Amino acid sequence: VGLVGFPSVGKSTLLTKLTGTKSEVAAYEFTTLTCIPGTINYKGAKIQLLDLPGIIEGAKDGKGRGRQIIGTARTCNTILI
């Protein structure tokens, strides 16, 4: 499951609360610079959550780390926006 969204919307906080994985949280944008994986156990199944860096307008054109984020998100079975 890929967590995709704008910078500073709570993706890292959600990952930390659900999985216990330490993903840096701060009061400024672009705290997460690389994909941070975490795992949750649900009814005997292990589900991997990916905290992706914030996506910004122009990402499809390569702005920021847009192409890298979109490429990683495309490999996910589910995307949570």
Protein backbone atom coordinates (compact mmCIF):
# COMPACT_ATOMS: atom_id res chain seq x y z
CA VAL A 1 0.00 0.00 0.00
CA GLY A 2 1.57 3.28 -1.09
CA LEU A 3 0.83 6.44 0.91
CA VAL A 4 0.73 9.27 -1.64
CA GLY A 5 -0.05 12.93 -0.94
CA PHE A 6 1.18 16.47 -0.71
CA PRO A 7 3.98 17.32 1.71
CA SER A 8 3.05 17.64 5.41
CA VAL A 9 -0.36 15.92 5.29
CA GLY A 10 0.35 13.15 7.82
CA LYS A 11 1.67 10.23 5.75
CA SER A 12 4.65 9.67 8.07
CA THR A 13 2.50 10.00 11.18
CA LEU A 14 0.03 7.44 9.81
CA LEU A 15 2.85 5.00 9.00
CA THR A 16 4.33 5.39 12.48
CA LYS A 17 0.96 4.91 14.24
CA LEU A 18 -0.06 1.86 12.18
CA THR A 19 3.26 0.01 11.99
CA GLY A 20 5.51 1.36 14.74
CA THR A 21 8.12 2.19 12.09
CA LYS A 22 10.04 5.36 12.87
CA SER A 23 9.50 7.81 10.04
CA GLU A 24 10.82 11.31 10.72
CA VAL A 25 8.12 13.89 11.39
CA ALA A 26 8.85 17.63 11.50
CA ALA A 27 7.13 20.99 11.09
CA TYR A 28 8.57 21.60 7.62
CA GLU A 29 7.86 20.21 4.17
CA PHE A 30 9.84 17.40 2.54
CA THR A 31 10.91 15.68 5.76
CA THR A 32 10.64 12.32 3.98
CA LEU A 33 13.15 12.22 1.13
CA THR A 34 13.10 8.48 0.37
CA CYS A 35 10.52 5.71 0.54
CA ILE A 36 10.10 4.42 4.13
CA PRO A 37 8.61 0.89 4.39
CA GLY A 38 6.59 -0.45 7.30
CA THR A 39 4.62 -3.65 7.90
CA ILE A 40 1.25 -4.18 9.54
CA ASN A 41 -0.28 -7.54 10.48
CA TYR A 42 -3.97 -7.79 9.68
CA LYS A 43 -5.92 -11.02 10.28
CA GLY A 44 -2.79 -13.12 9.74
CA ALA A 45 -1.68 -11.27 6.61
CA LYS A 46 1.39 -9.04 6.46
CA ILE A 47 0.70 -5.82 4.59
CA GLN A 48 3.54 -3.52 3.58
CA LEU A 49 2.92 0.23 3.79
CA LEU A 50 5.21 2.64 1.94
CA ASP A 51 5.59 6.24 3.12
CA LEU A 52 6.46 8.07 -0.10
CA PRO A 53 7.94 11.58 -0.24
CA GLY A 54 5.42 14.39 -0.77
CA ILE A 55 4.25 14.85 -4.32
CA ILE A 56 3.91 18.34 -5.79
CA GLU A 57 2.37 19.96 -8.83
CA GLY A 58 4.52 19.24 -11.89
CA ALA A 59 5.65 15.84 -10.56
CA LYS A 60 4.84 14.14 -13.88
CA ASP A 61 7.30 16.52 -15.53
CA GLY A 62 10.06 15.61 -13.08
CA LYS A 63 9.60 18.46 -10.60
CA GLY A 64 10.97 17.53 -7.19
CA ARG A 65 11.32 13.76 -6.98
CA GLY A 66 8.11 13.38 -8.96
CA ARG A 67 9.13 10.70 -11.43
CA GLN A 68 10.74 8.60 -8.69
CA ILE A 69 7.61 8.86 -6.51
CA ILE A 70 5.25 8.08 -9.38
CA GLY A 71 7.43 5.13 -10.45
CA THR A 72 7.38 3.67 -6.94
CA ALA A 73 3.64 4.28 -6.56
CA ARG A 74 2.98 2.43 -9.83
CA THR A 75 4.48 -0.74 -8.32
CA CYS A 76 2.00 -0.71 -5.42
CA ASN A 77 -1.09 -2.91 -5.48
CA THR A 78 -3.05 -0.20 -3.64
CA ILE A 79 -2.51 3.53 -3.31
CA LEU A 80 -3.91 5.51 -0.40
CA ILE A 81 -4.18 9.21 -1.27
